[in-house]
């Protein structure tokens, strides 16, 4: 599990593409501390498993499903990527629950300055927007952000200077693609409620039955 609080901006320095998968190498420093082979690191919000470690980098395998769901295959090499180690059990919960499982991608439609904040309008598919709620949480390229507004075709977030400067958002422009992870709570609630509707047994209670037994 992650929190969406970015620890470091690393560099995607190598990507070996297969037919439908890839292997990547990320140059970094901070997130290597106390990290071992088999540990999880979120790369632009994508939970990847460390397969090897060097003094200044780590490698990870990327399966086909991750390539299809995320923007990783379109990330420039070399290119900046947001990094976060999996949350330690004794750690502080600074953002929101982030699984590192990307739901899909969105595209920056507008960037607007408002005094010390920067507004980003992100266009996304309706199947993603259904889980994005005003004043709820969303992870964009692994960054925990609060949704300020939602329409039928996009949503808006407002970003403080520190978040923008300490993440890859500082280099994003109109047209840039972002990984989106919707709030996991909403997805589980929908699944639970839809399951109850489909599994609920059909009632045999009828008006005739009630009349026959003196309820009318």
N, C-alpha and C. Protein backbone atom coordinates (compact mmCIF):
# COMPACT_ATOMS: atom_id res chain seq x y z
N UNK A 1 0.84 -1.20 0.00
CA UNK A 1 0.00 0.00 0.00
C UNK A 1 0.87 1.25 0.00
N UNK A 2 0.39 2.30 -0.66
CA UNK A 2 1.10 3.57 -0.74
C UNK A 2 0.19 4.68 -0.22
N UNK A 3 0.74 5.88 -0.12
CA UNK A 3 -0.04 7.01 0.40
C UNK A 3 -0.22 8.14 -0.61
N UNK A 4 0.52 8.10 -1.71
CA UNK A 4 0.44 9.16 -2.70
C UNK A 4 1.30 10.37 -2.36
N UNK A 5 2.17 10.25 -1.34
CA UNK A 5 3.11 11.31 -1.00
C UNK A 5 4.45 10.94 -1.66
N UNK A 6 4.82 11.68 -2.68
CA UNK A 6 6.01 11.35 -3.46
C UNK A 6 7.27 11.61 -2.65
N UNK A 7 8.17 10.62 -2.64
CA UNK A 7 9.42 10.73 -1.89
C UNK A 7 10.55 11.30 -2.72
N UNK A 8 10.52 11.02 -4.01
CA UNK A 8 11.65 11.39 -4.86
C UNK A 8 11.20 11.37 -6.32
N UNK A 9 11.79 12.25 -7.12
CA UNK A 9 11.61 12.18 -8.56
C UNK A 9 12.85 11.52 -9.14
N UNK A 10 12.66 10.32 -9.71
CA UNK A 10 13.76 9.59 -10.30
C UNK A 10 13.77 9.74 -11.80
N UNK A 11 14.65 8.99 -12.45
CA UNK A 11 14.77 9.05 -13.91
C UNK A 11 14.60 7.66 -14.50
N UNK A 12 13.65 7.54 -15.40
CA UNK A 12 13.51 6.31 -16.18
C UNK A 12 14.64 6.33 -17.20
N UNK A 13 15.69 5.56 -16.95
CA UNK A 13 16.88 5.65 -17.80
C UNK A 13 17.00 4.52 -18.82
N UNK A 14 16.17 3.50 -18.67
CA UNK A 14 16.23 2.39 -19.62
C UNK A 14 14.90 1.65 -19.64
N UNK A 15 14.45 1.31 -20.83
CA UNK A 15 13.24 0.50 -20.99
C UNK A 15 13.46 -0.50 -22.11
N UNK A 16 13.50 -1.77 -21.75
CA UNK A 16 13.64 -2.84 -22.74
C UNK A 16 12.27 -3.40 -23.02
N UNK A 17 11.76 -3.14 -24.21
CA UNK A 17 10.42 -3.55 -24.56
C UNK A 17 10.40 -4.93 -25.20
N UNK A 18 9.46 -5.75 -24.73
CA UNK A 18 9.19 -7.02 -25.38
C UNK A 18 8.01 -6.85 -26.30
N UNK A 19 7.38 -7.94 -26.70
CA UNK A 19 6.22 -7.85 -27.58
C UNK A 19 5.07 -7.12 -26.91
N UNK A 20 4.81 -7.44 -25.63
CA UNK A 20 3.70 -6.79 -24.91
C UNK A 20 4.09 -6.39 -23.49
N UNK A 21 5.33 -6.60 -23.11
CA UNK A 21 5.78 -6.29 -21.76
C UNK A 21 7.06 -5.47 -21.83
N UNK A 22 7.67 -5.23 -20.67
CA UNK A 22 8.89 -4.43 -20.66
C UNK A 22 9.67 -4.68 -19.37
N UNK A 23 10.94 -4.29 -19.38
CA UNK A 23 11.77 -4.25 -18.19
C UNK A 23 12.35 -2.85 -18.11
N UNK A 24 12.32 -2.25 -16.92
CA UNK A 24 12.75 -0.86 -16.79
C UNK A 24 13.86 -0.74 -15.75
N UNK A 25 14.65 0.31 -15.90
CA UNK A 25 15.64 0.66 -14.89
C UNK A 25 15.43 2.11 -14.50
N UNK A 26 15.33 2.35 -13.20
CA UNK A 26 15.05 3.67 -12.66
C UNK A 26 16.26 4.15 -11.87
N UNK A 27 16.79 5.32 -12.24
CA UNK A 27 17.90 5.91 -11.48
C UNK A 27 17.32 6.76 -10.36
N UNK A 28 17.82 6.56 -9.14
CA UNK A 28 17.28 7.26 -7.98
C UNK A 28 18.26 7.12 -6.81
N UNK A 29 17.92 7.68 -5.68
CA UNK A 29 18.77 7.58 -4.49
C UNK A 29 17.95 7.28 -3.23
N UNK A 30 17.04 8.19 -2.92
CA UNK A 30 16.35 8.14 -1.63
C UNK A 30 15.57 6.85 -1.45
N UNK A 31 14.82 6.42 -2.46
CA UNK A 31 13.95 5.26 -2.28
C UNK A 31 14.72 3.94 -2.23
N UNK A 32 16.02 3.99 -2.50
CA UNK A 32 16.83 2.77 -2.41
C UNK A 32 17.17 2.42 -0.97
N UNK A 33 17.03 3.40 -0.08
CA UNK A 33 17.37 3.17 1.33
C UNK A 33 16.46 2.11 1.94
N UNK A 34 17.06 1.09 2.51
CA UNK A 34 16.36 -0.01 3.17
C UNK A 34 15.46 -0.79 2.21
N UNK A 35 15.71 -0.66 0.92
CA UNK A 35 14.93 -1.40 -0.08
C UNK A 35 15.67 -2.67 -0.47
N UNK A 36 14.93 -3.76 -0.60
CA UNK A 36 15.52 -5.03 -0.99
C UNK A 36 14.84 -5.60 -2.22
N UNK A 37 15.45 -6.60 -2.81
CA UNK A 37 14.84 -7.27 -3.96
C UNK A 37 13.51 -7.89 -3.53
N UNK A 38 12.48 -7.67 -4.31
CA UNK A 38 11.14 -8.15 -3.97
C UNK A 38 10.26 -7.10 -3.34
N UNK A 39 10.86 -5.96 -2.94
CA UNK A 39 10.06 -4.87 -2.36
C UNK A 39 9.30 -4.13 -3.45
N UNK A 40 8.29 -3.36 -3.03
CA UNK A 40 7.46 -2.62 -3.97
C UNK A 40 7.82 -1.14 -3.96
N UNK A 41 7.89 -0.55 -5.15
CA UNK A 41 8.08 0.89 -5.32
C UNK A 41 7.07 1.35 -6.35
N UNK A 42 6.35 2.43 -6.04
CA UNK A 42 5.40 3.00 -6.99
C UNK A 42 6.16 3.93 -7.94
N UNK A 43 6.02 3.67 -9.23
CA UNK A 43 6.66 4.48 -10.28
C UNK A 43 5.56 5.16 -11.07
N UNK A 44 5.44 6.48 -10.90
CA UNK A 44 4.30 7.21 -11.48
C UNK A 44 2.98 6.56 -11.09
N UNK A 45 2.94 6.07 -9.85
CA UNK A 45 1.72 5.47 -9.33
C UNK A 45 1.55 4.00 -9.61
N UNK A 46 2.48 3.41 -10.36
CA UNK A 46 2.40 1.99 -10.73
C UNK A 46 3.21 1.18 -9.74
N UNK A 47 2.59 0.24 -9.08
CA UNK A 47 3.29 -0.61 -8.13
C UNK A 47 4.16 -1.62 -8.89
N UNK A 48 5.49 -1.47 -8.75
CA UNK A 48 6.43 -2.37 -9.41
C UNK A 48 7.28 -3.09 -8.36
N UNK A 49 7.67 -4.31 -8.67
CA UNK A 49 8.49 -5.11 -7.78
C UNK A 49 9.95 -5.01 -8.18
N UNK A 50 10.80 -4.68 -7.22
CA UNK A 50 12.23 -4.54 -7.48
C UNK A 50 12.84 -5.91 -7.80
N UNK A 51 13.49 -6.01 -8.96
CA UNK A 51 14.11 -7.27 -9.36
C UNK A 51 15.62 -7.26 -9.20
N UNK A 52 16.23 -6.08 -9.20
CA UNK A 52 17.66 -5.98 -8.93
C UNK A 52 17.97 -4.58 -8.43
N UNK A 53 19.08 -4.46 -7.71
CA UNK A 53 19.48 -3.18 -7.12
C UNK A 53 20.91 -2.85 -7.48
N UNK A 54 21.16 -1.57 -7.73
CA UNK A 54 22.51 -1.06 -7.90
C UNK A 54 22.68 0.12 -6.95
N UNK A 55 23.85 0.71 -6.94
CA UNK A 55 24.11 1.81 -6.03
C UNK A 55 23.22 3.01 -6.31
N UNK A 56 22.85 3.20 -7.57
CA UNK A 56 22.08 4.39 -7.93
C UNK A 56 20.83 4.07 -8.74
N UNK A 57 20.36 2.82 -8.71
CA UNK A 57 19.20 2.47 -9.53
C UNK A 57 18.59 1.14 -9.09
N UNK A 58 17.41 0.86 -9.62
CA UNK A 58 16.79 -0.46 -9.47
C UNK A 58 16.12 -0.84 -10.77
N UNK A 59 15.86 -2.12 -10.93
CA UNK A 59 15.15 -2.59 -12.12
C UNK A 59 13.84 -3.24 -11.70
N UNK A 60 12.91 -3.31 -12.65
CA UNK A 60 11.61 -3.94 -12.40
C UNK A 60 11.04 -4.44 -13.72
N UNK A 61 10.27 -5.51 -13.63
CA UNK A 61 9.57 -6.03 -14.79
C UNK A 61 8.17 -5.43 -14.85
N UNK A 62 7.70 -5.20 -16.06
CA UNK A 62 6.37 -4.62 -16.27
C UNK A 62 5.57 -5.55 -17.16
N UNK A 63 4.46 -6.07 -16.65
CA UNK A 63 3.67 -7.03 -17.43
C UNK A 63 2.75 -6.31 -18.42
N UNK A 64 2.18 -7.08 -19.31
CA UNK A 64 1.37 -6.53 -20.40
C UNK A 64 0.17 -5.73 -19.89
N UNK A 65 -0.50 -6.23 -18.85
CA UNK A 65 -1.67 -5.53 -18.32
C UNK A 65 -1.30 -4.13 -17.84
N UNK A 66 -0.13 -4.00 -17.21
CA UNK A 66 0.33 -2.69 -16.75
C UNK A 66 0.62 -1.77 -17.93
N UNK A 67 1.23 -2.29 -18.96
CA UNK A 67 1.50 -1.50 -20.16
C UNK A 67 0.21 -0.98 -20.77
N UNK A 68 -0.81 -1.85 -20.82
CA UNK A 68 -2.09 -1.46 -21.43
C UNK A 68 -2.80 -0.39 -20.61
N UNK A 69 -2.73 -0.48 -19.30
CA UNK A 69 -3.51 0.40 -18.43
C UNK A 69 -2.84 1.74 -18.14
N UNK A 70 -1.53 1.81 -18.31
CA UNK A 70 -0.79 2.99 -17.86
C UNK A 70 -0.13 3.72 -19.02
N UNK A 71 0.54 4.82 -18.67
CA UNK A 71 1.24 5.63 -19.66
C UNK A 71 2.72 5.27 -19.74
N UNK A 72 3.14 4.19 -19.07
CA UNK A 72 4.55 3.89 -18.96
C UNK A 72 5.23 3.71 -20.32
N UNK A 73 4.54 3.05 -21.24
CA UNK A 73 5.15 2.80 -22.55
C UNK A 73 5.37 4.08 -23.34
N UNK A 74 4.67 5.16 -22.94
CA UNK A 74 4.80 6.44 -23.64
C UNK A 74 5.71 7.42 -22.90
N UNK A 75 6.25 6.99 -21.76
CA UNK A 75 7.14 7.86 -21.00
C UNK A 75 8.48 7.96 -21.71
N UNK A 76 8.99 9.19 -21.82
CA UNK A 76 10.26 9.41 -22.50
C UNK A 76 11.40 8.73 -21.75
N UNK A 77 12.41 8.30 -22.49
CA UNK A 77 13.63 7.73 -21.90
C UNK A 77 14.82 8.54 -22.39
N UNK A 78 15.53 9.26 -21.54
CA UNK A 78 15.29 9.38 -20.10
C UNK A 78 14.10 10.30 -19.82
N UNK A 79 13.40 10.04 -18.72
CA UNK A 79 12.26 10.85 -18.32
C UNK A 79 12.04 10.81 -16.83
N UNK A 80 11.46 11.86 -16.29
CA UNK A 80 11.23 11.95 -14.85
C UNK A 80 10.03 11.10 -14.44
N UNK A 81 10.17 10.41 -13.29
CA UNK A 81 9.08 9.60 -12.76
C UNK A 81 8.98 9.82 -11.25
N UNK A 82 7.74 9.84 -10.75
CA UNK A 82 7.50 9.98 -9.31
C UNK A 82 7.71 8.64 -8.63
N UNK A 83 8.39 8.66 -7.47
CA UNK A 83 8.71 7.42 -6.77
C UNK A 83 8.23 7.47 -5.33
N UNK A 84 7.69 6.35 -4.86
CA UNK A 84 7.30 6.20 -3.45
C UNK A 84 7.47 4.75 -3.04
N UNK A 85 8.15 4.52 -1.93
CA UNK A 85 8.24 3.17 -1.38
C UNK A 85 6.92 2.79 -0.74
N UNK A 86 6.67 1.47 -0.67
CA UNK A 86 5.47 1.00 0.02
C UNK A 86 5.50 1.49 1.46
N UNK A 87 4.31 1.81 1.99
CA UNK A 87 4.20 2.38 3.33
C UNK A 87 4.58 1.36 4.39
N UNK A 88 5.46 1.77 5.30
CA UNK A 88 5.83 0.91 6.43
C UNK A 88 4.68 0.88 7.43
N UNK A 89 4.57 -0.24 8.15
CA UNK A 89 3.47 -0.40 9.11
C UNK A 89 3.49 0.67 10.20
N UNK A 90 4.69 1.19 10.51
CA UNK A 90 4.79 2.20 11.56
C UNK A 90 4.84 3.62 10.98
N UNK A 91 4.59 3.75 9.66
CA UNK A 91 4.70 5.05 9.00
C UNK A 91 3.50 5.95 9.24
N UNK A 92 3.68 7.23 8.91
CA UNK A 92 2.60 8.20 9.02
C UNK A 92 1.77 8.19 7.74
N UNK A 93 0.45 8.26 7.90
CA UNK A 93 -0.46 8.22 6.76
C UNK A 93 -0.72 9.65 6.29
N UNK A 94 0.09 10.12 5.34
CA UNK A 94 0.00 11.52 4.95
C UNK A 94 -0.94 11.81 3.79
N UNK A 95 -1.26 10.82 2.97
CA UNK A 95 -2.10 11.07 1.80
C UNK A 95 -3.43 10.34 1.90
N UNK A 96 -3.65 9.37 1.00
CA UNK A 96 -4.84 8.53 1.09
C UNK A 96 -4.44 7.11 0.66
N UNK A 97 -5.36 6.17 0.76
CA UNK A 97 -5.04 4.78 0.41
C UNK A 97 -4.82 4.67 -1.10
N UNK A 98 -3.60 4.32 -1.47
CA UNK A 98 -3.22 4.16 -2.88
C UNK A 98 -2.67 2.74 -3.04
N UNK A 99 -3.25 1.98 -3.96
CA UNK A 99 -2.85 0.58 -4.13
C UNK A 99 -1.70 0.42 -5.12
N UNK A 100 -1.53 1.40 -6.00
CA UNK A 100 -0.53 1.27 -7.05
C UNK A 100 -1.03 0.52 -8.26
N UNK A 101 -2.35 0.32 -8.33
CA UNK A 101 -2.98 -0.37 -9.46
C UNK A 101 -3.71 0.67 -10.30
N UNK A 102 -3.18 0.97 -11.47
CA UNK A 102 -3.70 2.04 -12.31
C UNK A 102 -5.02 1.62 -12.97
N UNK A 103 -6.02 2.52 -12.88
CA UNK A 103 -7.32 2.24 -13.50
C UNK A 103 -7.34 2.62 -14.97
N UNK A 104 -6.55 3.63 -15.34
CA UNK A 104 -6.51 4.09 -16.72
C UNK A 104 -5.74 5.40 -16.79
N UNK A 105 -5.83 6.05 -17.93
CA UNK A 105 -5.08 7.29 -18.14
C UNK A 105 -6.01 8.46 -18.44
N UNK A 106 -5.54 9.65 -18.13
CA UNK A 106 -6.22 10.88 -18.49
C UNK A 106 -5.25 11.82 -19.17
N UNK A 107 -5.77 12.88 -19.73
CA UNK A 107 -4.93 13.85 -20.45
C UNK A 107 -5.17 15.25 -19.91
N UNK A 108 -4.11 15.99 -19.69
CA UNK A 108 -4.23 17.37 -19.20
C UNK A 108 -4.84 18.24 -20.29
N UNK A 109 -5.98 18.85 -19.99
CA UNK A 109 -6.70 19.67 -20.95
C UNK A 109 -6.45 21.17 -20.74
N UNK A 110 -6.15 21.53 -19.50
CA UNK A 110 -5.92 22.95 -19.19
C UNK A 110 -5.04 23.07 -17.95
N UNK A 111 -4.18 24.07 -17.94
CA UNK A 111 -3.37 24.42 -16.78
C UNK A 111 -3.56 25.90 -16.51
N UNK A 112 -3.96 26.22 -15.28
CA UNK A 112 -4.29 27.63 -14.98
C UNK A 112 -3.73 28.01 -13.62
N UNK A 113 -3.05 29.15 -13.58
CA UNK A 113 -2.49 29.67 -12.33
C UNK A 113 -3.53 30.47 -11.57
N UNK A 114 -3.61 30.26 -10.25
CA UNK A 114 -4.48 31.06 -9.39
C UNK A 114 -3.68 31.41 -8.13
N UNK A 115 -3.05 32.57 -8.16
CA UNK A 115 -2.14 33.00 -7.10
C UNK A 115 -1.11 31.91 -6.82
N UNK A 116 -1.11 31.31 -5.63
CA UNK A 116 -0.07 30.34 -5.31
C UNK A 116 -0.39 28.92 -5.78
N UNK A 117 -1.56 28.69 -6.32
CA UNK A 117 -1.97 27.35 -6.74
C UNK A 117 -2.00 27.24 -8.26
N UNK A 118 -1.91 26.01 -8.74
CA UNK A 118 -2.05 25.74 -10.17
C UNK A 118 -3.18 24.74 -10.36
N UNK A 119 -4.13 25.10 -11.22
CA UNK A 119 -5.26 24.22 -11.52
C UNK A 119 -4.94 23.36 -12.73
N UNK A 120 -5.24 22.07 -12.60
CA UNK A 120 -5.10 21.14 -13.72
C UNK A 120 -6.48 20.57 -14.03
N UNK A 121 -6.88 20.68 -15.29
CA UNK A 121 -8.10 20.02 -15.76
C UNK A 121 -7.68 18.77 -16.52
N UNK A 122 -8.21 17.63 -16.09
CA UNK A 122 -7.81 16.34 -16.65
C UNK A 122 -9.00 15.67 -17.32
N UNK A 123 -8.90 15.44 -18.60
CA UNK A 123 -9.95 14.72 -19.32
C UNK A 123 -9.79 13.22 -19.12
N UNK A 124 -10.91 12.53 -18.95
CA UNK A 124 -10.85 11.09 -18.71
C UNK A 124 -12.11 10.42 -19.23
N UNK A 125 -12.02 9.13 -19.42
CA UNK A 125 -13.16 8.33 -19.88
C UNK A 125 -14.24 8.27 -18.81
N UNK A 126 -15.48 8.13 -19.24
CA UNK A 126 -16.60 8.07 -18.29
C UNK A 126 -16.48 6.91 -17.31
N UNK A 127 -15.87 5.82 -17.73
CA UNK A 127 -15.75 4.66 -16.84
C UNK A 127 -14.81 4.96 -15.67
N UNK A 128 -13.94 5.96 -15.82
CA UNK A 128 -13.10 6.41 -14.71
C UNK A 128 -13.79 7.52 -13.93
N UNK A 129 -14.44 8.43 -14.63
CA UNK A 129 -15.08 9.57 -13.98
C UNK A 129 -16.17 9.14 -13.00
N UNK A 130 -16.77 7.98 -13.20
CA UNK A 130 -17.83 7.52 -12.31
C UNK A 130 -17.32 7.31 -10.89
N UNK A 131 -16.00 7.08 -10.73
CA UNK A 131 -15.42 6.85 -9.41
C UNK A 131 -14.76 8.11 -8.83
N UNK A 132 -14.77 9.19 -9.57
CA UNK A 132 -14.11 10.43 -9.13
C UNK A 132 -15.17 11.36 -8.56
N UNK A 133 -15.00 11.73 -7.30
CA UNK A 133 -16.02 12.46 -6.56
C UNK A 133 -15.45 13.80 -6.09
N UNK A 134 -16.25 14.84 -6.21
CA UNK A 134 -15.83 16.16 -5.73
C UNK A 134 -15.46 16.09 -4.25
N UNK A 135 -14.28 16.63 -3.93
CA UNK A 135 -13.69 16.61 -2.58
C UNK A 135 -13.25 15.22 -2.15
N UNK A 136 -13.28 14.28 -3.09
CA UNK A 136 -12.71 12.96 -2.82
C UNK A 136 -11.24 12.94 -3.23
N UNK A 137 -10.63 11.78 -3.17
CA UNK A 137 -9.21 11.64 -3.48
C UNK A 137 -8.99 10.96 -4.82
N UNK A 138 -7.91 11.35 -5.47
CA UNK A 138 -7.48 10.70 -6.70
C UNK A 138 -5.96 10.72 -6.73
N UNK A 139 -5.34 9.69 -7.32
CA UNK A 139 -3.90 9.67 -7.49
C UNK A 139 -3.57 9.89 -8.96
N UNK A 140 -2.80 10.94 -9.25
CA UNK A 140 -2.37 11.24 -10.61
C UNK A 140 -0.86 11.05 -10.68
N UNK A 141 -0.43 10.10 -11.51
CA UNK A 141 0.99 9.72 -11.56
C UNK A 141 1.52 9.44 -10.16
N UNK A 142 0.65 8.87 -9.32
CA UNK A 142 1.04 8.49 -7.97
C UNK A 142 0.93 9.58 -6.94
N UNK A 143 0.50 10.78 -7.33
CA UNK A 143 0.41 11.93 -6.42
C UNK A 143 -0.99 11.98 -5.81
N UNK A 144 -1.08 11.98 -4.50
CA UNK A 144 -2.37 12.08 -3.82
C UNK A 144 -2.89 13.50 -3.92
N UNK A 145 -4.07 13.66 -4.55
CA UNK A 145 -4.66 14.98 -4.77
C UNK A 145 -6.14 14.95 -4.42
N UNK A 146 -6.67 16.13 -4.12
CA UNK A 146 -8.10 16.27 -3.83
C UNK A 146 -8.83 16.79 -5.05
N UNK A 147 -9.92 16.14 -5.40
CA UNK A 147 -10.73 16.55 -6.55
C UNK A 147 -11.54 17.79 -6.17
N UNK A 148 -11.42 18.83 -6.99
CA UNK A 148 -12.15 20.07 -6.71
C UNK A 148 -13.46 20.17 -7.49
N UNK A 149 -13.52 19.55 -8.65
CA UNK A 149 -14.72 19.66 -9.49
C UNK A 149 -14.74 18.50 -10.47
N UNK A 150 -15.94 18.01 -10.79
CA UNK A 150 -16.09 16.91 -11.74
C UNK A 150 -17.19 17.26 -12.73
N UNK A 151 -16.96 17.02 -14.01
CA UNK A 151 -17.99 17.16 -15.03
C UNK A 151 -18.16 15.82 -15.74
N UNK A 152 -18.94 15.80 -16.79
CA UNK A 152 -19.18 14.56 -17.53
C UNK A 152 -17.97 14.14 -18.37
N UNK A 153 -17.01 15.05 -18.56
CA UNK A 153 -15.87 14.72 -19.41
C UNK A 153 -14.50 14.94 -18.78
N UNK A 154 -14.47 15.63 -17.62
CA UNK A 154 -13.17 15.88 -17.00
C UNK A 154 -13.32 16.18 -15.52
N UNK A 155 -12.18 16.39 -14.85
CA UNK A 155 -12.19 16.80 -13.45
C UNK A 155 -11.03 17.74 -13.20
N UNK A 156 -11.10 18.49 -12.10
CA UNK A 156 -10.09 19.49 -11.79
C UNK A 156 -9.46 19.22 -10.43
N UNK A 157 -8.15 19.48 -10.36
CA UNK A 157 -7.43 19.45 -9.09
C UNK A 157 -6.64 20.74 -8.97
N UNK A 158 -6.45 21.19 -7.74
CA UNK A 158 -5.65 22.38 -7.47
C UNK A 158 -4.40 21.96 -6.71
N UNK A 159 -3.24 22.39 -7.19
CA UNK A 159 -1.97 21.90 -6.67
C UNK A 159 -1.16 23.03 -6.05
N UNK A 160 -0.68 22.82 -4.84
CA UNK A 160 0.14 23.83 -4.18
C UNK A 160 1.56 23.82 -4.78
N UNK A 161 2.31 24.93 -4.62
CA UNK A 161 3.65 25.02 -5.21
C UNK A 161 4.58 23.88 -4.81
N UNK A 162 4.56 23.47 -3.54
CA UNK A 162 5.47 22.43 -3.07
C UNK A 162 5.22 21.13 -3.83
N UNK A 163 3.96 20.72 -3.97
CA UNK A 163 3.63 19.48 -4.67
C UNK A 163 4.08 19.56 -6.13
N UNK A 164 3.84 20.68 -6.75
CA UNK A 164 4.22 20.84 -8.17
C UNK A 164 5.73 20.78 -8.35
N UNK A 165 6.47 21.46 -7.50
CA UNK A 165 7.92 21.53 -7.66
C UNK A 165 8.62 20.23 -7.29
N UNK A 166 8.02 19.45 -6.38
CA UNK A 166 8.66 18.23 -5.89
C UNK A 166 8.19 16.97 -6.60
N UNK A 167 7.45 17.12 -7.69
CA UNK A 167 6.97 15.98 -8.47
C UNK A 167 7.17 16.26 -9.95
N UNK A 168 6.83 15.29 -10.77
CA UNK A 168 6.99 15.44 -12.22
C UNK A 168 5.95 16.39 -12.82
N UNK A 169 4.98 16.84 -12.02
CA UNK A 169 3.97 17.78 -12.54
C UNK A 169 4.61 19.06 -13.07
N UNK A 170 5.75 19.43 -12.50
CA UNK A 170 6.39 20.69 -12.90
C UNK A 170 6.74 20.69 -14.39
N UNK A 171 6.93 19.51 -14.98
CA UNK A 171 7.30 19.41 -16.40
C UNK A 171 6.13 19.04 -17.31
N UNK A 172 4.94 18.89 -16.72
CA UNK A 172 3.78 18.52 -17.53
C UNK A 172 3.21 19.74 -18.24
N UNK A 173 2.59 19.49 -19.37
CA UNK A 173 1.97 20.56 -20.16
C UNK A 173 0.63 20.07 -20.70
N UNK A 174 -0.09 20.95 -21.36
CA UNK A 174 -1.37 20.57 -21.95
C UNK A 174 -1.13 19.44 -22.97
N UNK A 175 -1.89 18.38 -22.84
CA UNK A 175 -1.72 17.21 -23.70
C UNK A 175 -0.97 16.08 -23.04
N UNK A 176 -0.29 16.35 -21.92
CA UNK A 176 0.45 15.29 -21.22
C UNK A 176 -0.51 14.24 -20.68
N UNK A 177 -0.08 12.99 -20.70
CA UNK A 177 -0.89 11.88 -20.21
C UNK A 177 -0.51 11.55 -18.77
N UNK A 178 -1.52 11.31 -17.93
CA UNK A 178 -1.30 11.00 -16.53
C UNK A 178 -1.94 9.65 -16.19
N UNK A 179 -1.27 8.88 -15.33
CA UNK A 179 -1.88 7.67 -14.79
C UNK A 179 -2.90 8.05 -13.73
N UNK A 180 -4.06 7.40 -13.76
CA UNK A 180 -5.12 7.68 -12.80
C UNK A 180 -5.42 6.43 -11.98
N UNK A 181 -5.40 6.61 -10.66
CA UNK A 181 -5.93 5.58 -9.77
C UNK A 181 -7.06 6.20 -8.97
N UNK A 182 -8.26 5.70 -9.18
CA UNK A 182 -9.43 6.22 -8.47
C UNK A 182 -9.43 5.70 -7.03
N UNK A 183 -10.20 6.35 -6.19
CA UNK A 183 -10.29 5.96 -4.78
C UNK A 183 -10.79 4.52 -4.67
N UNK A 184 -9.98 3.67 -4.06
CA UNK A 184 -10.29 2.24 -3.99
C UNK A 184 -11.58 1.97 -3.21
N UNK A 185 -11.91 2.82 -2.24
CA UNK A 185 -13.11 2.61 -1.43
C UNK A 185 -14.37 2.63 -2.30
N UNK A 186 -14.45 3.58 -3.22
CA UNK A 186 -15.61 3.69 -4.09
C UNK A 186 -15.81 2.46 -4.95
N UNK A 187 -14.72 1.88 -5.43
CA UNK A 187 -14.81 0.70 -6.29
C UNK A 187 -15.33 -0.50 -5.52
N UNK A 188 -14.87 -0.66 -4.28
CA UNK A 188 -15.33 -1.78 -3.47
C UNK A 188 -16.79 -1.62 -3.07
N UNK A 189 -17.20 -0.38 -2.77
CA UNK A 189 -18.60 -0.12 -2.41
C UNK A 189 -19.50 -0.46 -3.59
N UNK A 190 -19.11 -0.04 -4.80
CA UNK A 190 -19.93 -0.34 -5.98
C UNK A 190 -20.03 -1.84 -6.20
N UNK A 191 -18.93 -2.55 -6.06
CA UNK A 191 -18.93 -4.00 -6.27
C UNK A 191 -19.84 -4.69 -5.25
N UNK A 192 -19.76 -4.25 -4.01
CA UNK A 192 -20.58 -4.85 -2.96
C UNK A 192 -22.06 -4.62 -3.23
N UNK A 193 -22.42 -3.39 -3.57
CA UNK A 193 -23.83 -3.06 -3.78
C UNK A 193 -24.38 -3.74 -5.03
N UNK A 194 -23.58 -3.79 -6.11
CA UNK A 194 -24.07 -4.44 -7.32
C UNK A 194 -24.24 -5.94 -7.09
N UNK A 195 -23.38 -6.53 -6.27
CA UNK A 195 -23.49 -7.95 -5.94
C UNK A 195 -24.74 -8.24 -5.16
N UNK A 196 -25.08 -7.34 -4.24
CA UNK A 196 -26.30 -7.53 -3.45
C UNK A 196 -27.53 -7.50 -4.33
N UNK A 197 -27.51 -6.61 -5.35
CA UNK A 197 -28.67 -6.51 -6.23
C UNK A 197 -28.85 -7.78 -7.06
N UNK A 198 -27.73 -8.32 -7.58
CA UNK A 198 -27.84 -9.47 -8.47
C UNK A 198 -28.10 -10.77 -7.70
N UNK A 199 -27.65 -10.82 -6.45
CA UNK A 199 -27.78 -12.05 -5.68
C UNK A 199 -29.04 -12.08 -4.82
N UNK A 200 -29.74 -10.96 -4.72
CA UNK A 200 -30.91 -10.91 -3.86
C UNK A 200 -32.00 -11.84 -4.41
N UNK A 201 -32.51 -12.77 -3.63
CA UNK A 201 -33.54 -13.69 -4.12
C UNK A 201 -34.84 -12.95 -4.45
N UNK A 202 -35.50 -13.42 -5.48
CA UNK A 202 -36.75 -12.80 -5.90
C UNK A 202 -37.83 -13.06 -4.86
N UNK A 203 -38.52 -12.00 -4.48
CA UNK A 203 -39.54 -12.12 -3.44
C UNK A 203 -40.79 -12.81 -3.99
N UNK A 204 -41.36 -13.70 -3.17
CA UNK A 204 -42.61 -14.37 -3.54
C UNK A 204 -43.81 -13.69 -2.91
N UNK A 205 -43.58 -12.57 -2.22
CA UNK A 205 -44.65 -11.84 -1.55
C UNK A 205 -45.46 -11.08 -2.58
N UNK A 206 -46.78 -11.34 -2.66
CA UNK A 206 -47.66 -10.67 -3.62
C UNK A 206 -48.84 -10.04 -2.89
N UNK A 207 -49.53 -9.19 -3.60
CA UNK A 207 -50.71 -8.53 -3.02
C UNK A 207 -51.79 -9.56 -2.72
N UNK A 208 -51.94 -10.56 -3.59
CA UNK A 208 -52.94 -11.61 -3.37
C UNK A 208 -52.62 -12.40 -2.09
N UNK A 209 -51.34 -12.67 -1.86
CA UNK A 209 -50.93 -13.40 -0.67
C UNK A 209 -51.26 -12.60 0.59
N UNK A 210 -51.00 -11.31 0.56
CA UNK A 210 -51.28 -10.46 1.72
C UNK A 210 -52.78 -10.39 2.00
N UNK A 211 -53.59 -10.26 0.92
CA UNK A 211 -55.04 -10.20 1.10
C UNK A 211 -55.57 -11.52 1.66
N UNK A 212 -55.05 -12.64 1.17
CA UNK A 212 -55.48 -13.95 1.62
C UNK A 212 -55.21 -14.15 3.10
N UNK A 213 -54.18 -13.52 3.63
CA UNK A 213 -53.81 -13.71 5.02
C UNK A 213 -54.19 -12.52 5.89
N UNK A 214 -55.13 -11.73 5.39
CA UNK A 214 -55.74 -10.71 6.24
C UNK A 214 -54.97 -9.42 6.43
N UNK A 215 -54.04 -9.12 5.52
CA UNK A 215 -53.30 -7.87 5.68
C UNK A 215 -53.98 -6.68 5.01
N UNK A 216 -55.06 -6.89 4.31
CA UNK A 216 -55.82 -5.80 3.69
C UNK A 216 -57.27 -5.87 4.15
